[in-house]
Amino acid sequence: EADVSGIAGARVVAADVTDADAVSA
């Protein structure tokens, strides 16, 4: 969850930074 309205080229991804598999993907 994050408000990225008005930020060109920005997207939000739901994942846990401590999850090595998710970060690798």
PDB file of all heavy atoms in Angstrom:
ATOM      1  N   GLU A   1       0.838  -1.194   0.000  1.00  0.00           N
ATOM      2  CA  GLU A   1       0.000   0.000   0.000  1.00  0.00           C
ATOM      3  C   GLU A   1       0.874   1.245   0.000  1.00  0.00           C
ATOM      4  O   GLU A   1       1.732   1.414   0.865  1.00  0.00           O
ATOM      5  CB  GLU A   1      -0.909   0.020   1.221  1.00  0.00           C
ATOM      6  CG  GLU A   1      -1.869  -1.169   1.306  1.00  0.00           C
ATOM      7  CD  GLU A   1      -2.601  -1.206   2.629  1.00  0.00           C
ATOM      8  OE1 GLU A   1      -2.318  -0.333   3.487  1.00  0.00           O
ATOM      9  OE2 GLU A   1      -3.447  -2.089   2.818  1.00  0.00           O
ATOM     10  N   ALA A   2       0.680   2.099  -0.983  1.00  0.00           N
ATOM     11  CA  ALA A   2       1.385   3.371  -1.038  1.00  0.00           C
ATOM     12  C   ALA A   2       0.707   4.239  -2.080  1.00  0.00           C
ATOM     13  O   ALA A   2       0.221   3.740  -3.099  1.00  0.00           O
ATOM     14  CB  ALA A   2       2.856   3.175  -1.382  1.00  0.00           C
ATOM     15  N   ASP A   3       0.667   5.530  -1.824  1.00  0.00           N
ATOM     16  CA  ASP A   3       0.065   6.468  -2.768  1.00  0.00           C
ATOM     17  C   ASP A   3       1.147   6.918  -3.747  1.00  0.00           C
ATOM     18  O   ASP A   3       2.039   7.696  -3.388  1.00  0.00           O
ATOM     19  CB  ASP A   3      -0.504   7.667  -2.009  1.00  0.00           C
ATOM     20  CG  ASP A   3      -1.126   8.698  -2.947  1.00  0.00           C
ATOM     21  OD1 ASP A   3      -1.288   8.391  -4.145  1.00  0.00           O
ATOM     22  OD2 ASP A   3      -1.421   9.811  -2.479  1.00  0.00           O
ATOM     23  N   VAL A   4       1.091   6.427  -4.972  1.00  0.00           N
ATOM     24  CA  VAL A   4       2.088   6.792  -5.976  1.00  0.00           C
ATOM     25  C   VAL A   4       1.474   7.669  -7.063  1.00  0.00           C
ATOM     26  O   VAL A   4       2.036   7.813  -8.149  1.00  0.00           O
ATOM     27  CB  VAL A   4       2.732   5.538  -6.611  1.00  0.00           C
ATOM     28  CG1 VAL A   4       3.524   4.769  -5.578  1.00  0.00           C
ATOM     29  CG2 VAL A   4       1.661   4.647  -7.240  1.00  0.00           C
ATOM     30  N   SER A   5       0.319   8.267  -6.743  1.00  0.00           N
ATOM     31  CA  SER A   5      -0.318   9.138  -7.727  1.00  0.00           C
ATOM     32  C   SER A   5       0.603  10.313  -8.055  1.00  0.00           C
ATOM     33  O   SER A   5       1.186  10.931  -7.167  1.00  0.00           O
ATOM     34  CB  SER A   5      -1.650   9.666  -7.186  1.00  0.00           C
ATOM     35  OG  SER A   5      -1.453  10.363  -5.966  1.00  0.00           O
ATOM     36  N   GLY A   6       0.747  10.576  -9.327  1.00  0.00           N
ATOM     37  CA  GLY A   6       1.587  11.682  -9.763  1.00  0.00           C
ATOM     38  C   GLY A   6       3.060  11.357  -9.817  1.00  0.00           C
ATOM     39  O   GLY A   6       3.879  12.237 -10.108  1.00  0.00           O
ATOM     40  N   ILE A   7       3.439  10.108  -9.542  1.00  0.00           N
ATOM     41  CA  ILE A   7       4.854   9.726  -9.615  1.00  0.00           C
ATOM     42  C   ILE A   7       5.049   8.896 -10.882  1.00  0.00           C
ATOM     43  O   ILE A   7       4.654   7.717 -10.936  1.00  0.00           O
ATOM     44  CB  ILE A   7       5.291   8.909  -8.379  1.00  0.00           C
ATOM     45  CG1 ILE A   7       4.951   9.657  -7.093  1.00  0.00           C
ATOM     46  CG2 ILE A   7       6.796   8.628  -8.439  1.00  0.00           C
ATOM     47  CD1 ILE A   7       5.312   8.898  -5.830  1.00  0.00           C
ATOM     48  N   ALA A   8       5.627   9.504 -11.871  1.00  0.00           N
ATOM     49  CA  ALA A   8       5.795   8.826 -13.159  1.00  0.00           C
ATOM     50  C   ALA A   8       6.685   7.602 -13.001  1.00  0.00           C
ATOM     51  O   ALA A   8       7.749   7.656 -12.382  1.00  0.00           O
ATOM     52  CB  ALA A   8       6.402   9.790 -14.182  1.00  0.00           C
ATOM     53  N   GLY A   9       6.233   6.482 -13.592  1.00  0.00           N
ATOM     54  CA  GLY A   9       7.050   5.274 -13.592  1.00  0.00           C
ATOM     55  C   GLY A   9       7.075   4.522 -12.292  1.00  0.00           C
ATOM     56  O   GLY A   9       7.896   3.607 -12.119  1.00  0.00           O
ATOM     57  N   ALA A  10       6.204   4.863 -11.333  1.00  0.00           N
ATOM     58  CA  ALA A  10       6.226   4.205 -10.017  1.00  0.00           C
ATOM     59  C   ALA A  10       5.161   3.131  -9.931  1.00  0.00           C
ATOM     60  O   ALA A  10       4.064   3.273 -10.460  1.00  0.00           O
ATOM     61  CB  ALA A  10       6.021   5.231  -8.914  1.00  0.00           C
ATOM     62  N   ARG A  11       5.490   2.049  -9.270  1.00  0.00           N
ATOM     63  CA  ARG A  11       4.525   0.985  -9.003  1.00  0.00           C
ATOM     64  C   ARG A  11       4.772   0.441  -7.601  1.00  0.00           C
ATOM     65  O   ARG A  11       5.855   0.618  -7.030  1.00  0.00           O
ATOM     66  CB  ARG A  11       4.651  -0.132 -10.034  1.00  0.00           C
ATOM     67  CG  ARG A  11       5.928  -0.960  -9.896  1.00  0.00           C
ATOM     68  CD  ARG A  11       5.996  -2.029 -10.976  1.00  0.00           C
ATOM     69  NE  ARG A  11       6.219  -1.439 -12.291  1.00  0.00           N
ATOM     70  CZ  ARG A  11       6.137  -2.121 -13.422  1.00  0.00           C
ATOM     71  NH1 ARG A  11       5.810  -3.399 -13.404  1.00  0.00           N
ATOM     72  NH2 ARG A  11       6.379  -1.532 -14.573  1.00  0.00           N
ATOM     73  N   VAL A  12       3.761  -0.220  -7.056  1.00  0.00           N
ATOM     74  CA  VAL A  12       3.851  -0.774  -5.704  1.00  0.00           C
ATOM     75  C   VAL A  12       3.724  -2.283  -5.783  1.00  0.00           C
ATOM     76  O   VAL A  12       2.860  -2.808  -6.487  1.00  0.00           O
ATOM     77  CB  VAL A  12       2.749  -0.202  -4.796  1.00  0.00           C
ATOM     78  CG1 VAL A  12       2.899  -0.732  -3.372  1.00  0.00           C
ATOM     79  CG2 VAL A  12       2.785   1.316  -4.799  1.00  0.00           C
ATOM     80  N   VAL A  13       4.596  -2.993  -5.067  1.00  0.00           N
ATOM     81  CA  VAL A  13       4.587  -4.449  -5.037  1.00  0.00           C
ATOM     82  C   VAL A  13       4.461  -4.900  -3.586  1.00  0.00           C
ATOM     83  O   VAL A  13       5.155  -4.377  -2.705  1.00  0.00           O
ATOM     84  CB  VAL A  13       5.877  -5.031  -5.657  1.00  0.00           C
ATOM     85  CG1 VAL A  13       5.919  -6.544  -5.476  1.00  0.00           C
ATOM     86  CG2 VAL A  13       5.963  -4.658  -7.126  1.00  0.00           C
ATOM     87  N   ALA A  14       3.591  -5.882  -3.340  1.00  0.00           N
ATOM     88  CA  ALA A  14       3.433  -6.429  -2.000  1.00  0.00           C
ATOM     89  C   ALA A  14       4.377  -7.610  -1.822  1.00  0.00           C
ATOM     90  O   ALA A  14       4.235  -8.629  -2.496  1.00  0.00           O
ATOM     91  CB  ALA A  14       1.994  -6.865  -1.770  1.00  0.00           C
ATOM     92  N   ALA A  15       5.337  -7.458  -0.950  1.00  0.00           N
ATOM     93  CA  ALA A  15       6.281  -8.535  -0.646  1.00  0.00           C
ATOM     94  C   ALA A  15       7.044  -8.157   0.612  1.00  0.00           C
ATOM     95  O   ALA A  15       7.118  -6.980   0.973  1.00  0.00           O
ATOM     96  CB  ALA A  15       7.245  -8.773  -1.807  1.00  0.00           C
ATOM     97  N   ASP A  16       7.583  -9.167   1.271  1.00  0.00           N
ATOM     98  CA  ASP A  16       8.360  -8.957   2.490  1.00  0.00           C
ATOM     99  C   ASP A  16       9.835  -8.920   2.126  1.00  0.00           C
ATOM    100  O   ASP A  16      10.347  -9.852   1.498  1.00  0.00           O
ATOM    101  CB  ASP A  16       8.080 -10.085   3.482  1.00  0.00           C
ATOM    102  CG  ASP A  16       8.606  -9.769   4.874  1.00  0.00           C
ATOM    103  OD1 ASP A  16       9.660  -9.101   4.978  1.00  0.00           O
ATOM    104  OD2 ASP A  16       7.976 -10.187   5.855  1.00  0.00           O
ATOM    105  N   VAL A  17      10.531  -7.858   2.533  1.00  0.00           N
ATOM    106  CA  VAL A  17      11.937  -7.714   2.178  1.00  0.00           C
ATOM    107  C   VAL A  17      12.803  -8.814   2.799  1.00  0.00           C
ATOM    108  O   VAL A  17      13.916  -9.066   2.357  1.00  0.00           O
ATOM    109  CB  VAL A  17      12.454  -6.316   2.589  1.00  0.00           C
ATOM    110  CG1 VAL A  17      12.538  -6.200   4.109  1.00  0.00           C
ATOM    111  CG2 VAL A  17      13.793  -6.015   1.952  1.00  0.00           C
ATOM    112  N   THR A  18      12.294  -9.506   3.830  1.00  0.00           N
ATOM    113  CA  THR A  18      13.058 -10.598   4.432  1.00  0.00           C
ATOM    114  C   THR A  18      12.808 -11.928   3.726  1.00  0.00           C
ATOM    115  O   THR A  18      13.386 -12.949   4.105  1.00  0.00           O
ATOM    116  CB  THR A  18      12.715 -10.743   5.926  1.00  0.00           C
ATOM    117  OG1 THR A  18      11.337 -11.082   6.063  1.00  0.00           O
ATOM    118  CG2 THR A  18      13.000  -9.452   6.673  1.00  0.00           C
ATOM    119  N   ASP A  19      11.958 -11.930   2.703  1.00  0.00           N
ATOM    120  CA  ASP A  19      11.673 -13.130   1.917  1.00  0.00           C
ATOM    121  C   ASP A  19      12.623 -13.155   0.722  1.00  0.00           C
ATOM    122  O   ASP A  19      12.404 -12.457  -0.276  1.00  0.00           O
ATOM    123  CB  ASP A  19      10.218 -13.111   1.451  1.00  0.00           C
ATOM    124  CG  ASP A  19       9.815 -14.371   0.698  1.00  0.00           C
ATOM    125  OD1 ASP A  19      10.703 -15.072   0.172  1.00  0.00           O
ATOM    126  OD2 ASP A  19       8.593 -14.634   0.615  1.00  0.00           O
ATOM    127  N   ALA A  20      13.684 -13.931   0.815  1.00  0.00           N
ATOM    128  CA  ALA A  20      14.711 -13.940  -0.227  1.00  0.00           C
ATOM    129  C   ALA A  20      14.152 -14.361  -1.585  1.00  0.00           C
ATOM    130  O   ALA A  20      14.549 -13.823  -2.627  1.00  0.00           O
ATOM    131  CB  ALA A  20      15.862 -14.855   0.177  1.00  0.00           C
ATOM    132  N   ASP A  21      13.226 -15.307  -1.607  1.00  0.00           N
ATOM    133  CA  ASP A  21      12.659 -15.758  -2.878  1.00  0.00           C
ATOM    134  C   ASP A  21      11.870 -14.638  -3.544  1.00  0.00           C
ATOM    135  O   ASP A  21      11.963 -14.426  -4.763  1.00  0.00           O
ATOM    136  CB  ASP A  21      11.757 -16.969  -2.659  1.00  0.00           C
ATOM    137  CG  ASP A  21      12.540 -18.210  -2.248  1.00  0.00           C
ATOM    138  OD1 ASP A  21      13.755 -18.265  -2.547  1.00  0.00           O
ATOM    139  OD2 ASP A  21      11.942 -19.112  -1.635  1.00  0.00           O
ATOM    140  N   ALA A  22      11.079 -13.917  -2.757  1.00  0.00           N
ATOM    141  CA  ALA A  22      10.287 -12.822  -3.312  1.00  0.00           C
ATOM    142  C   ALA A  22      11.181 -11.702  -3.835  1.00  0.00           C
ATOM    143  O   ALA A  22      10.935 -11.134  -4.906  1.00  0.00           O
ATOM    144  CB  ALA A  22       9.331 -12.285  -2.253  1.00  0.00           C
ATOM    145  N   VAL A  23      12.236 -11.395  -3.082  1.00  0.00           N
ATOM    146  CA  VAL A  23      13.151 -10.343  -3.524  1.00  0.00           C
ATOM    147  C   VAL A  23      13.899 -10.774  -4.785  1.00  0.00           C
ATOM    148  O   VAL A  23      14.077  -9.981  -5.716  1.00  0.00           O
ATOM    149  CB  VAL A  23      14.138  -9.981  -2.391  1.00  0.00           C
ATOM    150  CG1 VAL A  23      15.198  -8.994  -2.895  1.00  0.00           C
ATOM    151  CG2 VAL A  23      13.389  -9.382  -1.202  1.00  0.00           C
ATOM    152  N   SER A  24      14.306 -12.028  -4.844  1.00  0.00           N
ATOM    153  CA  SER A  24      15.001 -12.538  -6.040  1.00  0.00           C
ATOM    154  C   SER A  24      14.101 -12.440  -7.275  1.00  0.00           C
ATOM    155  O   SER A  24      14.539 -12.026  -8.358  1.00  0.00           O
ATOM    156  CB  SER A  24      15.432 -13.988  -5.830  1.00  0.00           C
ATOM    157  OG  SER A  24      16.375 -14.092  -4.794  1.00  0.00           O
ATOM    158  N   ALA A  25      12.827 -12.824  -7.111  1.00  0.00           N
ATOM    159  CA  ALA A  25      11.899 -12.755  -8.230  1.00  0.00           C
ATOM    160  C   ALA A  25      11.688 -11.313  -8.674  1.00  0.00           C
ATOM    161  O   ALA A  25      11.613 -11.023  -9.885  1.00  0.00           O
ATOM    162  CB  ALA A  25      10.568 -13.387  -7.825  1.00  0.00           C
TER     163      ALA A  25
END
